[in-house]
Amino acid sequence: LKDGADGRSVLEKWYHPIFLRLRDLRMPYITAVN
């Protein structure tokens, strides 16, 4: 909920890059929701 030392939130720093990398994967991606 606030900017970290580098001026970025945890969402911007961690979550967003992960979700974008999942979107751009060069392979199919399945979730098994257990």
PDB file of all heavy atoms in Angstrom:
ATOM      1  N   LEU A   1       0.802  -1.216   0.000  1.00  0.00           N
ATOM      2  CA  LEU A   1       0.000   0.000   0.000  1.00  0.00           C
ATOM      3  C   LEU A   1       0.836   1.267   0.000  1.00  0.00           C
ATOM      4  O   LEU A   1       0.297   2.362   0.125  1.00  0.00           O
ATOM      5  CB  LEU A   1      -0.933  -0.008   1.218  1.00  0.00           C
ATOM      6  CG  LEU A   1      -1.878  -1.214   1.296  1.00  0.00           C
ATOM      7  CD1 LEU A   1      -2.743  -1.120   2.533  1.00  0.00           C
ATOM      8  CD2 LEU A   1      -2.739  -1.274   0.048  1.00  0.00           C
ATOM      9  N   LYS A   2       2.133   1.142  -0.129  1.00  0.00           N
ATOM     10  CA  LYS A   2       2.967   2.335  -0.165  1.00  0.00           C
ATOM     11  C   LYS A   2       4.194   2.075  -1.018  1.00  0.00           C
ATOM     12  O   LYS A   2       4.520   0.934  -1.336  1.00  0.00           O
ATOM     13  CB  LYS A   2       3.388   2.736   1.247  1.00  0.00           C
ATOM     14  CG  LYS A   2       4.331   1.735   1.920  1.00  0.00           C
ATOM     15  CD  LYS A   2       4.740   2.205   3.312  1.00  0.00           C
ATOM     16  CE  LYS A   2       5.731   1.233   3.945  1.00  0.00           C
ATOM     17  NZ  LYS A   2       6.172   1.685   5.271  1.00  0.00           N
ATOM     18  N   ASP A   3       4.861   3.109  -1.408  1.00  0.00           N
ATOM     19  CA  ASP A   3       6.077   2.947  -2.186  1.00  0.00           C
ATOM     20  C   ASP A   3       7.204   2.461  -1.296  1.00  0.00           C
ATOM     21  O   ASP A   3       7.369   2.925  -0.164  1.00  0.00           O
ATOM     22  CB  ASP A   3       6.484   4.280  -2.823  1.00  0.00           C
ATOM     23  CG  ASP A   3       5.527   4.689  -3.922  1.00  0.00           C
ATOM     24  OD1 ASP A   3       4.807   3.800  -4.414  1.00  0.00           O
ATOM     25  OD2 ASP A   3       5.495   5.867  -4.289  1.00  0.00           O
ATOM     26  N   GLY A   4       8.004   1.517  -1.798  1.00  0.00           N
ATOM     27  CA  GLY A   4       9.168   1.038  -1.069  1.00  0.00           C
ATOM     28  C   GLY A   4      10.340   1.979  -1.266  1.00  0.00           C
ATOM     29  O   GLY A   4      10.215   3.078  -1.807  1.00  0.00           O
ATOM     30  N   ALA A   5      11.491   1.514  -0.851  1.00  0.00           N
ATOM     31  CA  ALA A   5      12.692   2.351  -0.938  1.00  0.00           C
ATOM     32  C   ALA A   5      13.026   2.738  -2.371  1.00  0.00           C
ATOM     33  O   ALA A   5      13.599   3.790  -2.620  1.00  0.00           O
ATOM     34  CB  ALA A   5      13.869   1.604  -0.305  1.00  0.00           C
ATOM     35  N   ASP A   6      12.635   1.870  -3.327  1.00  0.00           N
ATOM     36  CA  ASP A   6      12.927   2.159  -4.732  1.00  0.00           C
ATOM     37  C   ASP A   6      11.772   2.876  -5.418  1.00  0.00           C
ATOM     38  O   ASP A   6      11.757   3.028  -6.634  1.00  0.00           O
ATOM     39  CB  ASP A   6      13.273   0.873  -5.490  1.00  0.00           C
ATOM     40  CG  ASP A   6      12.132  -0.134  -5.465  1.00  0.00           C
ATOM     41  OD1 ASP A   6      11.097   0.140  -4.820  1.00  0.00           O
ATOM     42  OD2 ASP A   6      12.270  -1.187  -6.109  1.00  0.00           O
ATOM     43  N   GLY A   7      10.778   3.301  -4.632  1.00  0.00           N
ATOM     44  CA  GLY A   7       9.658   4.047  -5.195  1.00  0.00           C
ATOM     45  C   GLY A   7       8.573   3.183  -5.800  1.00  0.00           C
ATOM     46  O   GLY A   7       7.631   3.692  -6.393  1.00  0.00           O
ATOM     47  N   ARG A   8       8.674   1.858  -5.646  1.00  0.00           N
ATOM     48  CA  ARG A   8       7.684   0.963  -6.232  1.00  0.00           C
ATOM     49  C   ARG A   8       6.945   0.190  -5.148  1.00  0.00           C
ATOM     50  O   ARG A   8       7.522  -0.181  -4.135  1.00  0.00           O
ATOM     51  CB  ARG A   8       8.350  -0.028  -7.193  1.00  0.00           C
ATOM     52  CG  ARG A   8       8.970   0.619  -8.420  1.00  0.00           C
ATOM     53  CD  ARG A   8       9.521  -0.451  -9.360  1.00  0.00           C
ATOM     54  NE  ARG A   8      10.636  -1.173  -8.750  1.00  0.00           N
ATOM     55  CZ  ARG A   8      11.151  -2.294  -9.263  1.00  0.00           C
ATOM     56  NH1 ARG A   8      10.623  -2.817 -10.349  1.00  0.00           N
ATOM     57  NH2 ARG A   8      12.178  -2.878  -8.666  1.00  0.00           N
ATOM     58  N   SER A   9       5.663  -0.082  -5.379  1.00  0.00           N
ATOM     59  CA  SER A   9       4.905  -0.941  -4.471  1.00  0.00           C
ATOM     60  C   SER A   9       5.269  -2.390  -4.732  1.00  0.00           C
ATOM     61  O   SER A   9       5.901  -2.727  -5.734  1.00  0.00           O
ATOM     62  CB  SER A   9       3.400  -0.739  -4.705  1.00  0.00           C
ATOM     63  OG  SER A   9       3.036  -1.258  -5.977  1.00  0.00           O
ATOM     64  N   VAL A  10       4.870  -3.265  -3.823  1.00  0.00           N
ATOM     65  CA  VAL A  10       5.105  -4.689  -4.019  1.00  0.00           C
ATOM     66  C   VAL A  10       4.383  -5.191  -5.266  1.00  0.00           C
ATOM     67  O   VAL A  10       4.895  -6.037  -6.013  1.00  0.00           O
ATOM     68  CB  VAL A  10       4.668  -5.483  -2.774  1.00  0.00           C
ATOM     69  CG1 VAL A  10       4.536  -6.957  -3.093  1.00  0.00           C
ATOM     70  CG2 VAL A  10       5.674  -5.285  -1.654  1.00  0.00           C
ATOM     71  N   LEU A  11       3.182  -4.667  -5.527  1.00  0.00           N
ATOM     72  CA  LEU A  11       2.469  -5.054  -6.747  1.00  0.00           C
ATOM     73  C   LEU A  11       3.301  -4.744  -7.983  1.00  0.00           C
ATOM     74  O   LEU A  11       3.473  -5.588  -8.861  1.00  0.00           O
ATOM     75  CB  LEU A  11       1.125  -4.324  -6.830  1.00  0.00           C
ATOM     76  CG  LEU A  11       0.036  -4.762  -5.858  1.00  0.00           C
ATOM     77  CD1 LEU A  11      -1.172  -3.852  -5.991  1.00  0.00           C
ATOM     78  CD2 LEU A  11      -0.352  -6.214  -6.100  1.00  0.00           C
ATOM     79  N   GLU A  12       3.803  -3.531  -8.038  1.00  0.00           N
ATOM     80  CA  GLU A  12       4.577  -3.112  -9.206  1.00  0.00           C
ATOM     81  C   GLU A  12       5.905  -3.849  -9.284  1.00  0.00           C
ATOM     82  O   GLU A  12       6.354  -4.231 -10.375  1.00  0.00           O
ATOM     83  CB  GLU A  12       4.800  -1.603  -9.154  1.00  0.00           C
ATOM     84  CG  GLU A  12       5.486  -1.034 -10.383  1.00  0.00           C
ATOM     85  CD  GLU A  12       5.688   0.468 -10.278  1.00  0.00           C
ATOM     86  OE1 GLU A  12       5.398   1.048  -9.209  1.00  0.00           O
ATOM     87  OE2 GLU A  12       6.152   1.065 -11.278  1.00  0.00           O
ATOM     88  N   LYS A  13       6.548  -4.049  -8.148  1.00  0.00           N
ATOM     89  CA  LYS A  13       7.885  -4.639  -8.133  1.00  0.00           C
ATOM     90  C   LYS A  13       7.867  -6.143  -8.384  1.00  0.00           C
ATOM     91  O   LYS A  13       8.728  -6.668  -9.114  1.00  0.00           O
ATOM     92  CB  LYS A  13       8.549  -4.351  -6.786  1.00  0.00           C
ATOM     93  CG  LYS A  13       9.966  -4.915  -6.659  1.00  0.00           C
ATOM     94  CD  LYS A  13      10.579  -4.530  -5.310  1.00  0.00           C
ATOM     95  CE  LYS A  13      11.997  -5.090  -5.164  1.00  0.00           C
ATOM     96  NZ  LYS A  13      12.607  -4.708  -3.867  1.00  0.00           N
ATOM     97  N   TRP A  14       6.900  -6.850  -7.778  1.00  0.00           N
ATOM     98  CA  TRP A  14       6.914  -8.307  -7.823  1.00  0.00           C
ATOM     99  C   TRP A  14       5.793  -8.907  -8.658  1.00  0.00           C
ATOM    100  O   TRP A  14       6.039  -9.704  -9.569  1.00  0.00           O
ATOM    101  CB  TRP A  14       6.827  -8.887  -6.403  1.00  0.00           C
ATOM    102  CG  TRP A  14       8.020  -8.610  -5.543  1.00  0.00           C
ATOM    103  CD1 TRP A  14       8.086  -7.778  -4.458  1.00  0.00           C
ATOM    104  CD2 TRP A  14       9.333  -9.177  -5.677  1.00  0.00           C
ATOM    105  NE1 TRP A  14       9.344  -7.790  -3.910  1.00  0.00           N
ATOM    106  CE2 TRP A  14      10.130  -8.649  -4.645  1.00  0.00           C
ATOM    107  CE3 TRP A  14       9.901 -10.089  -6.564  1.00  0.00           C
ATOM    108  CZ2 TRP A  14      11.463  -9.000  -4.469  1.00  0.00           C
ATOM    109  CZ3 TRP A  14      11.236 -10.436  -6.402  1.00  0.00           C
ATOM    110  CH2 TRP A  14      11.998  -9.891  -5.369  1.00  0.00           C
ATOM    111  N   TYR A  15       4.549  -8.564  -8.318  1.00  0.00           N
ATOM    112  CA  TYR A  15       3.412  -9.222  -8.966  1.00  0.00           C
ATOM    113  C   TYR A  15       3.337  -8.932 -10.460  1.00  0.00           C
ATOM    114  O   TYR A  15       3.184  -9.854 -11.271  1.00  0.00           O
ATOM    115  CB  TYR A  15       2.099  -8.795  -8.311  1.00  0.00           C
ATOM    116  CG  TYR A  15       1.824  -9.389  -6.952  1.00  0.00           C
ATOM    117  CD1 TYR A  15       2.204  -8.729  -5.788  1.00  0.00           C
ATOM    118  CD2 TYR A  15       1.140 -10.594  -6.820  1.00  0.00           C
ATOM    119  CE1 TYR A  15       1.932  -9.259  -4.532  1.00  0.00           C
ATOM    120  CE2 TYR A  15       0.853 -11.129  -5.573  1.00  0.00           C
ATOM    121  CZ  TYR A  15       1.255 -10.457  -4.434  1.00  0.00           C
ATOM    122  OH  TYR A  15       0.979 -10.995  -3.199  1.00  0.00           O
ATOM    123  N   HIS A  16       3.394  -7.658 -10.816  1.00  0.00           N
ATOM    124  CA  HIS A  16       3.176  -7.306 -12.220  1.00  0.00           C
ATOM    125  C   HIS A  16       4.169  -7.985 -13.159  1.00  0.00           C
ATOM    126  O   HIS A  16       3.750  -8.552 -14.190  1.00  0.00           O
ATOM    127  CB  HIS A  16       3.205  -5.785 -12.401  1.00  0.00           C
ATOM    128  CG  HIS A  16       2.106  -5.085 -11.679  1.00  0.00           C
ATOM    129  ND1 HIS A  16       1.972  -3.702 -11.653  1.00  0.00           N
ATOM    130  CD2 HIS A  16       1.068  -5.563 -10.937  1.00  0.00           C
ATOM    131  CE1 HIS A  16       0.916  -3.371 -10.936  1.00  0.00           C
ATOM    132  NE2 HIS A  16       0.359  -4.476 -10.491  1.00  0.00           N
ATOM    133  N   PRO A  17       5.467  -7.975 -12.876  1.00  0.00           N
ATOM    134  CA  PRO A  17       6.389  -8.669 -13.779  1.00  0.00           C
ATOM    135  C   PRO A  17       6.093 -10.161 -13.907  1.00  0.00           C
ATOM    136  O   PRO A  17       6.227 -10.734 -14.995  1.00  0.00           O
ATOM    137  CB  PRO A  17       7.759  -8.421 -13.132  1.00  0.00           C
ATOM    138  CG  PRO A  17       7.593  -7.160 -12.355  1.00  0.00           C
ATOM    139  CD  PRO A  17       6.198  -7.226 -11.822  1.00  0.00           C
ATOM    140  N   ILE A  18       5.693 -10.794 -12.808  1.00  0.00           N
ATOM    141  CA  ILE A  18       5.385 -12.232 -12.866  1.00  0.00           C
ATOM    142  C   ILE A  18       4.178 -12.480 -13.772  1.00  0.00           C
ATOM    143  O   ILE A  18       4.203 -13.363 -14.643  1.00  0.00           O
ATOM    144  CB  ILE A  18       5.147 -12.798 -11.457  1.00  0.00           C
ATOM    145  CG1 ILE A  18       6.455 -12.813 -10.663  1.00  0.00           C
ATOM    146  CG2 ILE A  18       4.552 -14.206 -11.534  1.00  0.00           C
ATOM    147  CD1 ILE A  18       6.277 -13.105  -9.183  1.00  0.00           C
ATOM    148  N   PHE A  19       3.113 -11.699 -13.584  1.00  0.00           N
ATOM    149  CA  PHE A  19       1.927 -11.889 -14.418  1.00  0.00           C
ATOM    150  C   PHE A  19       2.222 -11.618 -15.893  1.00  0.00           C
ATOM    151  O   PHE A  19       1.720 -12.326 -16.771  1.00  0.00           O
ATOM    152  CB  PHE A  19       0.782 -10.990 -13.932  1.00  0.00           C
ATOM    153  CG  PHE A  19       0.018 -11.564 -12.776  1.00  0.00           C
ATOM    154  CD1 PHE A  19       0.145 -11.026 -11.504  1.00  0.00           C
ATOM    155  CD2 PHE A  19      -0.821 -12.656 -12.950  1.00  0.00           C
ATOM    156  CE1 PHE A  19      -0.555 -11.562 -10.430  1.00  0.00           C
ATOM    157  CE2 PHE A  19      -1.527 -13.201 -11.882  1.00  0.00           C
ATOM    158  CZ  PHE A  19      -1.386 -12.654 -10.622  1.00  0.00           C
ATOM    159  N   LEU A  20       3.036 -10.620 -16.166  1.00  0.00           N
ATOM    160  CA  LEU A  20       3.379 -10.319 -17.560  1.00  0.00           C
ATOM    161  C   LEU A  20       4.243 -11.423 -18.165  1.00  0.00           C
ATOM    162  O   LEU A  20       4.094 -11.762 -19.347  1.00  0.00           O
ATOM    163  CB  LEU A  20       4.080  -8.969 -17.652  1.00  0.00           C
ATOM    164  CG  LEU A  20       3.184  -7.759 -17.352  1.00  0.00           C
ATOM    165  CD1 LEU A  20       4.001  -6.477 -17.332  1.00  0.00           C
ATOM    166  CD2 LEU A  20       2.047  -7.654 -18.355  1.00  0.00           C
ATOM    167  N   ARG A  21       5.116 -12.006 -17.373  1.00  0.00           N
ATOM    168  CA  ARG A  21       5.935 -13.108 -17.883  1.00  0.00           C
ATOM    169  C   ARG A  21       5.070 -14.347 -18.139  1.00  0.00           C
ATOM    170  O   ARG A  21       5.296 -15.078 -19.115  1.00  0.00           O
ATOM    171  CB  ARG A  21       7.076 -13.423 -16.913  1.00  0.00           C
ATOM    172  CG  ARG A  21       8.120 -12.318 -16.863  1.00  0.00           C
ATOM    173  CD  ARG A  21       9.156 -12.523 -15.773  1.00  0.00           C
ATOM    174  NE  ARG A  21      10.175 -13.504 -16.160  1.00  0.00           N
ATOM    175  CZ  ARG A  21      11.257 -13.746 -15.424  1.00  0.00           C
ATOM    176  NH1 ARG A  21      11.435 -13.110 -14.260  1.00  0.00           N
ATOM    177  NH2 ARG A  21      12.147 -14.633 -15.831  1.00  0.00           N
ATOM    178  N   LEU A  22       4.086 -14.576 -17.298  1.00  0.00           N
ATOM    179  CA  LEU A  22       3.159 -15.677 -17.546  1.00  0.00           C
ATOM    180  C   LEU A  22       2.363 -15.430 -18.823  1.00  0.00           C
ATOM    181  O   LEU A  22       2.159 -16.346 -19.627  1.00  0.00           O
ATOM    182  CB  LEU A  22       2.213 -15.854 -16.357  1.00  0.00           C
ATOM    183  CG  LEU A  22       2.829 -16.442 -15.091  1.00  0.00           C
ATOM    184  CD1 LEU A  22       1.857 -16.316 -13.920  1.00  0.00           C
ATOM    185  CD2 LEU A  22       3.232 -17.906 -15.295  1.00  0.00           C
ATOM    186  N   ARG A  23       1.922 -14.213 -19.009  1.00  0.00           N
ATOM    187  CA  ARG A  23       1.187 -13.882 -20.241  1.00  0.00           C
ATOM    188  C   ARG A  23       2.032 -14.139 -21.481  1.00  0.00           C
ATOM    189  O   ARG A  23       1.537 -14.612 -22.506  1.00  0.00           O
ATOM    190  CB  ARG A  23       0.749 -12.415 -20.214  1.00  0.00           C
ATOM    191  CG  ARG A  23      -0.053 -11.988 -21.439  1.00  0.00           C
ATOM    192  CD  ARG A  23      -0.089 -10.480 -21.587  1.00  0.00           C
ATOM    193  NE  ARG A  23       1.249  -9.932 -21.841  1.00  0.00           N
ATOM    194  CZ  ARG A  23       1.502  -8.631 -21.967  1.00  0.00           C
ATOM    195  NH1 ARG A  23       0.528  -7.751 -21.832  1.00  0.00           N
ATOM    196  NH2 ARG A  23       2.730  -8.211 -22.211  1.00  0.00           N
ATOM    197  N   ASP A  24       3.311 -13.806 -21.405  1.00  0.00           N
ATOM    198  CA  ASP A  24       4.187 -13.862 -22.577  1.00  0.00           C
ATOM    199  C   ASP A  24       4.924 -15.189 -22.734  1.00  0.00           C
ATOM    200  O   ASP A  24       5.807 -15.312 -23.591  1.00  0.00           O
ATOM    201  CB  ASP A  24       5.203 -12.712 -22.510  1.00  0.00           C
ATOM    202  CG  ASP A  24       4.531 -11.351 -22.618  1.00  0.00           C
ATOM    203  OD1 ASP A  24       3.417 -11.275 -23.158  1.00  0.00           O
ATOM    204  OD2 ASP A  24       5.131 -10.352 -22.158  1.00  0.00           O
ATOM    205  N   LEU A  25       4.595 -16.191 -21.925  1.00  0.00           N
ATOM    206  CA  LEU A  25       5.248 -17.493 -22.034  1.00  0.00           C
ATOM    207  C   LEU A  25       5.146 -18.044 -23.451  1.00  0.00           C
ATOM    208  O   LEU A  25       4.106 -17.908 -24.104  1.00  0.00           O
ATOM    209  CB  LEU A  25       4.594 -18.497 -21.090  1.00  0.00           C
ATOM    210  CG  LEU A  25       5.108 -18.598 -19.662  1.00  0.00           C
ATOM    211  CD1 LEU A  25       4.281 -19.648 -18.920  1.00  0.00           C
ATOM    212  CD2 LEU A  25       6.582 -18.964 -19.612  1.00  0.00           C
ATOM    213  N   ARG A  26       6.207 -18.710 -23.885  1.00  0.00           N
ATOM    214  CA  ARG A  26       6.198 -19.333 -25.199  1.00  0.00           C
ATOM    215  C   ARG A  26       5.811 -20.815 -25.090  1.00  0.00           C
ATOM    216  O   ARG A  26       6.386 -21.671 -25.771  1.00  0.00           O
ATOM    217  CB  ARG A  26       7.556 -19.147 -25.873  1.00  0.00           C
ATOM    218  CG  ARG A  26       7.883 -17.687 -26.160  1.00  0.00           C
ATOM    219  CD  ARG A  26       9.162 -17.536 -26.927  1.00  0.00           C
ATOM    220  NE  ARG A  26       9.116 -18.200 -28.230  1.00  0.00           N
ATOM    221  CZ  ARG A  26       8.539 -17.679 -29.315  1.00  0.00           C
ATOM    222  NH1 ARG A  26       7.963 -16.503 -29.265  1.00  0.00           N
ATOM    223  NH2 ARG A  26       8.549 -18.353 -30.459  1.00  0.00           N
ATOM    224  N   MET A  27       4.872 -21.099 -24.214  1.00  0.00           N
ATOM    225  CA  MET A  27       4.364 -22.457 -24.047  1.00  0.00           C
ATOM    226  C   MET A  27       2.980 -22.368 -23.420  1.00  0.00           C
ATOM    227  O   MET A  27       2.638 -21.367 -22.776  1.00  0.00           O
ATOM    228  CB  MET A  27       5.293 -23.284 -23.142  1.00  0.00           C
ATOM    229  CG  MET A  27       5.306 -22.849 -21.696  1.00  0.00           C
ATOM    230  SD  MET A  27       6.517 -23.736 -20.667  1.00  0.00           S
ATOM    231  CE  MET A  27       8.044 -22.942 -21.197  1.00  0.00           C
ATOM    232  N   PRO A  28       2.147 -23.388 -23.593  1.00  0.00           N
ATOM    233  CA  PRO A  28       0.848 -23.399 -22.921  1.00  0.00           C
ATOM    234  C   PRO A  28       1.011 -23.452 -21.401  1.00  0.00           C
ATOM    235  O   PRO A  28       1.995 -23.983 -20.887  1.00  0.00           O
ATOM    236  CB  PRO A  28       0.187 -24.672 -23.456  1.00  0.00           C
ATOM    237  CG  PRO A  28       0.915 -24.994 -24.708  1.00  0.00           C
ATOM    238  CD  PRO A  28       2.322 -24.520 -24.500  1.00  0.00           C
ATOM    239  N   TYR A  29       0.003 -22.942 -20.716  1.00  0.00           N
ATOM    240  CA  TYR A  29       0.061 -22.764 -19.264  1.00  0.00           C
ATOM    241  C   TYR A  29      -1.276 -23.216 -18.684  1.00  0.00           C
ATOM    242  O   TYR A  29      -2.327 -22.707 -19.066  1.00  0.00           O
ATOM    243  CB  TYR A  29       0.372 -21.293 -18.987  1.00  0.00           C
ATOM    244  CG  TYR A  29       0.068 -20.726 -17.626  1.00  0.00           C
ATOM    245  CD1 TYR A  29       0.222 -21.465 -16.464  1.00  0.00           C
ATOM    246  CD2 TYR A  29      -0.349 -19.394 -17.497  1.00  0.00           C
ATOM    247  CE1 TYR A  29      -0.050 -20.912 -15.230  1.00  0.00           C
ATOM    248  CE2 TYR A  29      -0.613 -18.827 -16.270  1.00  0.00           C
ATOM    249  CZ  TYR A  29      -0.474 -19.591 -15.136  1.00  0.00           C
ATOM    250  OH  TYR A  29      -0.742 -19.041 -13.911  1.00  0.00           O
ATOM    251  N   ILE A  30      -1.231 -24.204 -17.779  1.00  0.00           N
ATOM    252  CA  ILE A  30      -2.427 -24.763 -17.152  1.00  0.00           C
ATOM    253  C   ILE A  30      -2.375 -24.509 -15.645  1.00  0.00           C
ATOM    254  O   ILE A  30      -1.322 -24.650 -15.027  1.00  0.00           O
ATOM    255  CB  ILE A  30      -2.502 -26.293 -17.368  1.00  0.00           C
ATOM    256  CG1 ILE A  30      -2.461 -26.646 -18.858  1.00  0.00           C
ATOM    257  CG2 ILE A  30      -3.746 -26.885 -16.717  1.00  0.00           C
ATOM    258  CD1 ILE A  30      -2.342 -28.151 -19.108  1.00  0.00           C
ATOM    259  N   THR A  31      -3.514 -24.155 -15.058  1.00  0.00           N
ATOM    260  CA  THR A  31      -3.595 -24.165 -13.597  1.00  0.00           C
ATOM    261  C   THR A  31      -4.506 -25.308 -13.166  1.00  0.00           C
ATOM    262  O   THR A  31      -5.579 -25.515 -13.730  1.00  0.00           O
ATOM    263  CB  THR A  31      -4.127 -22.838 -13.023  1.00  0.00           C
ATOM    264  OG1 THR A  31      -5.270 -22.393 -13.766  1.00  0.00           O
ATOM    265  CG2 THR A  31      -3.054 -21.760 -13.065  1.00  0.00           C
ATOM    266  N   ALA A  32      -4.040 -26.063 -12.164  1.00  0.00           N
ATOM    267  CA  ALA A  32      -4.810 -27.146 -11.552  1.00  0.00           C
ATOM    268  C   ALA A  32      -5.250 -26.639 -10.183  1.00  0.00           C
ATOM    269  O   ALA A  32      -4.476 -26.670  -9.218  1.00  0.00           O
ATOM    270  CB  ALA A  32      -3.970 -28.412 -11.434  1.00  0.00           C
ATOM    271  N   VAL A  33      -6.472 -26.161 -10.099  1.00  0.00           N
ATOM    272  CA  VAL A  33      -6.977 -25.498  -8.886  1.00  0.00           C
ATOM    273  C   VAL A  33      -7.519 -26.579  -7.956  1.00  0.00           C
ATOM    274  O   VAL A  33      -8.634 -27.064  -8.109  1.00  0.00           O
ATOM    275  CB  VAL A  33      -8.055 -24.459  -9.240  1.00  0.00           C
ATOM    276  CG1 VAL A  33      -8.489 -23.699  -7.979  1.00  0.00           C
ATOM    277  CG2 VAL A  33      -7.526 -23.480 -10.285  1.00  0.00           C
ATOM    278  N   ASN A  34      -6.703 -26.936  -6.989  1.00  0.00           N
ATOM    279  CA  ASN A  34      -6.963 -28.082  -6.120  1.00  0.00           C
ATOM    280  C   ASN A  34      -7.698 -27.730  -4.836  1.00  0.00           C
ATOM    281  O   ASN A  34      -7.926 -28.595  -3.987  1.00  0.00           O
ATOM    282  CB  ASN A  34      -5.643 -28.766  -5.749  1.00  0.00           C
ATOM    283  CG  ASN A  34      -4.671 -27.795  -5.101  1.00  0.00           C
ATOM    284  OD1 ASN A  34      -4.357 -26.760  -5.680  1.00  0.00           O
ATOM    285  ND2 ASN A  34      -4.195 -28.117  -3.909  1.00  0.00           N
TER     286      ASN A  34
END
